Amino acid sequence: MHNLKELSVWNKAMVLTVEVYKAVTTFPVDERFGLTSQIKRSAVSVPSNIAEGAGRNNVKEFIHFLGISNGSSFELQTQIILANKLNLISKETSNSLLNKIDEIQKMTYGLIKKLKNY
């Protein structure tokens, strides 16, 4: 079991999730059950799966949940790009979120690599 609050990748994913929630507040009401909901679910999934993996009893399970988290980050990345193409969020907001997602993906891959050598 890992100390969740000490995991930099989890902390960065939490910050990203808050920023994503703030970004989608400007989406049209008719997107509430569409893209808005999907983006929120993907964003929440990133730190949630890191947390679930950190709470598991062995490294193999942690790596599995890091993989799920990473998949959710790629899903979120796609949705942010789509939201920008639909003019739902600005290029500036999109770039900021995408840069954070990219950093989290790199950190996740690094942690997986480190755990595999553990």
Protein backbone atom coordinates (compact mmCIF):
# COMPACT_ATOMS: atom_id res chain seq x y z
CA MET A 1 0.00 0.00 0.00
CA HIS A 2 1.34 3.43 -0.95
CA ASN A 3 0.82 6.78 0.74
CA LEU A 4 -1.50 8.43 -1.73
CA LYS A 5 -0.88 12.01 -0.66
CA GLU A 6 2.85 11.57 -1.35
CA LEU A 7 2.31 10.45 -4.95
CA SER A 8 3.09 13.45 -7.19
CA VAL A 9 1.16 11.95 -10.08
CA TRP A 10 -1.99 11.65 -7.94
CA ASN A 11 -1.64 15.24 -6.71
CA LYS A 12 -1.20 16.54 -10.27
CA ALA A 13 -4.18 14.47 -11.43
CA MET A 14 -6.30 15.99 -8.67
CA VAL A 15 -5.32 19.51 -9.77
CA LEU A 16 -6.12 18.59 -13.39
CA THR A 17 -9.55 17.29 -12.40
CA VAL A 18 -10.43 20.52 -10.60
CA GLU A 19 -9.29 22.55 -13.61
CA VAL A 20 -11.32 20.37 -15.98
CA TYR A 21 -14.44 20.85 -13.85
CA LYS A 22 -13.91 24.61 -13.95
CA ALA A 23 -13.36 24.58 -17.72
CA VAL A 24 -16.60 22.75 -18.51
CA THR A 25 -18.77 25.19 -16.52
CA THR A 26 -18.89 27.34 -19.65
CA PHE A 27 -20.23 24.54 -21.86
CA PRO A 28 -23.80 24.94 -23.15
CA VAL A 29 -26.57 23.42 -21.04
CA ASP A 30 -27.50 21.03 -23.85
CA GLU A 31 -24.05 19.43 -23.47
CA ARG A 32 -24.64 18.66 -19.78
CA PHE A 33 -25.45 14.99 -20.44
CA GLY A 34 -23.13 14.68 -23.42
CA LEU A 35 -19.57 15.82 -23.68
CA THR A 36 -19.59 17.67 -20.35
CA SER A 37 -20.53 14.53 -18.44
CA GLN A 38 -18.05 12.38 -20.35
CA ILE A 39 -15.18 14.81 -19.79
CA LYS A 40 -15.91 14.94 -16.06
CA ARG A 41 -16.03 11.14 -15.81
CA SER A 42 -12.72 10.77 -17.65
CA ALA A 43 -11.06 13.44 -15.52
CA VAL A 44 -12.25 11.88 -12.24
CA SER A 45 -11.13 8.45 -13.43
CA VAL A 46 -7.48 9.53 -13.69
CA PRO A 47 -6.77 10.20 -9.97
CA SER A 48 -9.39 7.68 -8.83
CA ASN A 49 -7.64 4.76 -10.53
CA ILE A 50 -4.27 5.90 -9.24
CA ALA A 51 -5.80 5.91 -5.77
CA GLU A 52 -7.40 2.50 -6.17
CA GLY A 53 -4.15 1.00 -7.40
CA ALA A 54 -2.17 2.59 -4.58
CA GLY A 55 -4.54 0.98 -2.12
CA ARG A 56 -4.11 -2.51 -3.50
CA ASN A 57 -1.98 -5.15 -1.86
CA ASN A 58 0.59 -5.79 -4.55
CA VAL A 59 2.61 -4.05 -7.23
CA LYS A 60 0.99 -5.96 -10.09
CA GLU A 61 -2.44 -4.60 -9.17
CA PHE A 62 -1.05 -1.08 -8.77
CA ILE A 63 0.44 -1.27 -12.27
CA HIS A 64 -2.91 -2.50 -13.63
CA PHE A 65 -4.78 0.48 -12.19
CA LEU A 66 -2.10 2.90 -13.37
CA GLY A 67 -2.75 1.52 -16.85
CA ILE A 68 -6.48 2.17 -16.48
CA SER A 69 -5.71 5.69 -15.25
CA ASN A 70 -3.49 6.28 -18.24
CA GLY A 71 -6.21 5.07 -20.59
CA SER A 72 -8.60 7.55 -19.00
CA SER A 73 -6.05 10.32 -19.50
CA PHE A 74 -5.92 9.54 -23.23
CA GLU A 75 -9.71 9.55 -23.34
CA LEU A 76 -9.74 12.93 -21.59
CA GLN A 77 -7.09 14.23 -23.98
CA THR A 78 -9.28 13.32 -26.96
CA GLN A 79 -12.34 14.95 -25.40
CA ILE A 80 -10.46 18.18 -24.65
CA ILE A 81 -9.23 18.34 -28.26
CA LEU A 82 -12.80 17.75 -29.46
CA ALA A 83 -14.18 20.42 -27.12
CA ASN A 84 -11.68 22.89 -28.57
CA LYS A 85 -12.56 21.93 -32.15
CA LEU A 86 -16.24 22.52 -31.26
CA ASN A 87 -15.30 25.93 -29.82
CA LEU A 88 -16.53 24.92 -26.38
CA ILE A 89 -13.19 25.82 -24.78
CA SER A 90 -10.52 28.23 -25.88
CA LYS A 91 -7.22 27.20 -27.42
CA GLU A 92 -5.48 28.62 -24.32
CA THR A 93 -7.55 26.50 -21.92
CA SER A 94 -7.21 23.47 -24.16
CA ASN A 95 -3.42 23.82 -24.35
CA SER A 96 -3.12 24.27 -20.60
CA LEU A 97 -5.17 21.13 -19.90
CA LEU A 98 -3.40 19.12 -22.61
CA ASN A 99 0.01 20.05 -21.20
CA LYS A 100 -1.08 18.85 -17.75
CA ILE A 101 -2.45 15.62 -19.22
CA ASP A 102 0.81 15.04 -21.08
CA GLU A 103 2.81 15.53 -17.89
CA ILE A 104 0.57 13.09 -16.00
CA GLN A 105 0.89 10.50 -18.77
CA LYS A 106 4.68 10.73 -18.63
CA MET A 107 4.65 10.45 -14.85
CA THR A 108 2.33 7.44 -15.00
CA TYR A 109 4.57 5.67 -17.51
CA GLY A 110 7.58 6.46 -15.35
CA LEU A 111 5.90 5.08 -12.24
CA ILE A 112 4.85 1.92 -14.07
CA LYS A 113 8.42 1.42 -15.29
CA LYS A 114 9.76 1.96 -11.78
CA LEU A 115 7.25 -0.48 -10.25
CA LYS A 116 8.05 -3.13 -12.86
CA ASN A 117 11.69 -2.98 -11.75
CA TYR A 118 10.68 -3.15 -8.09
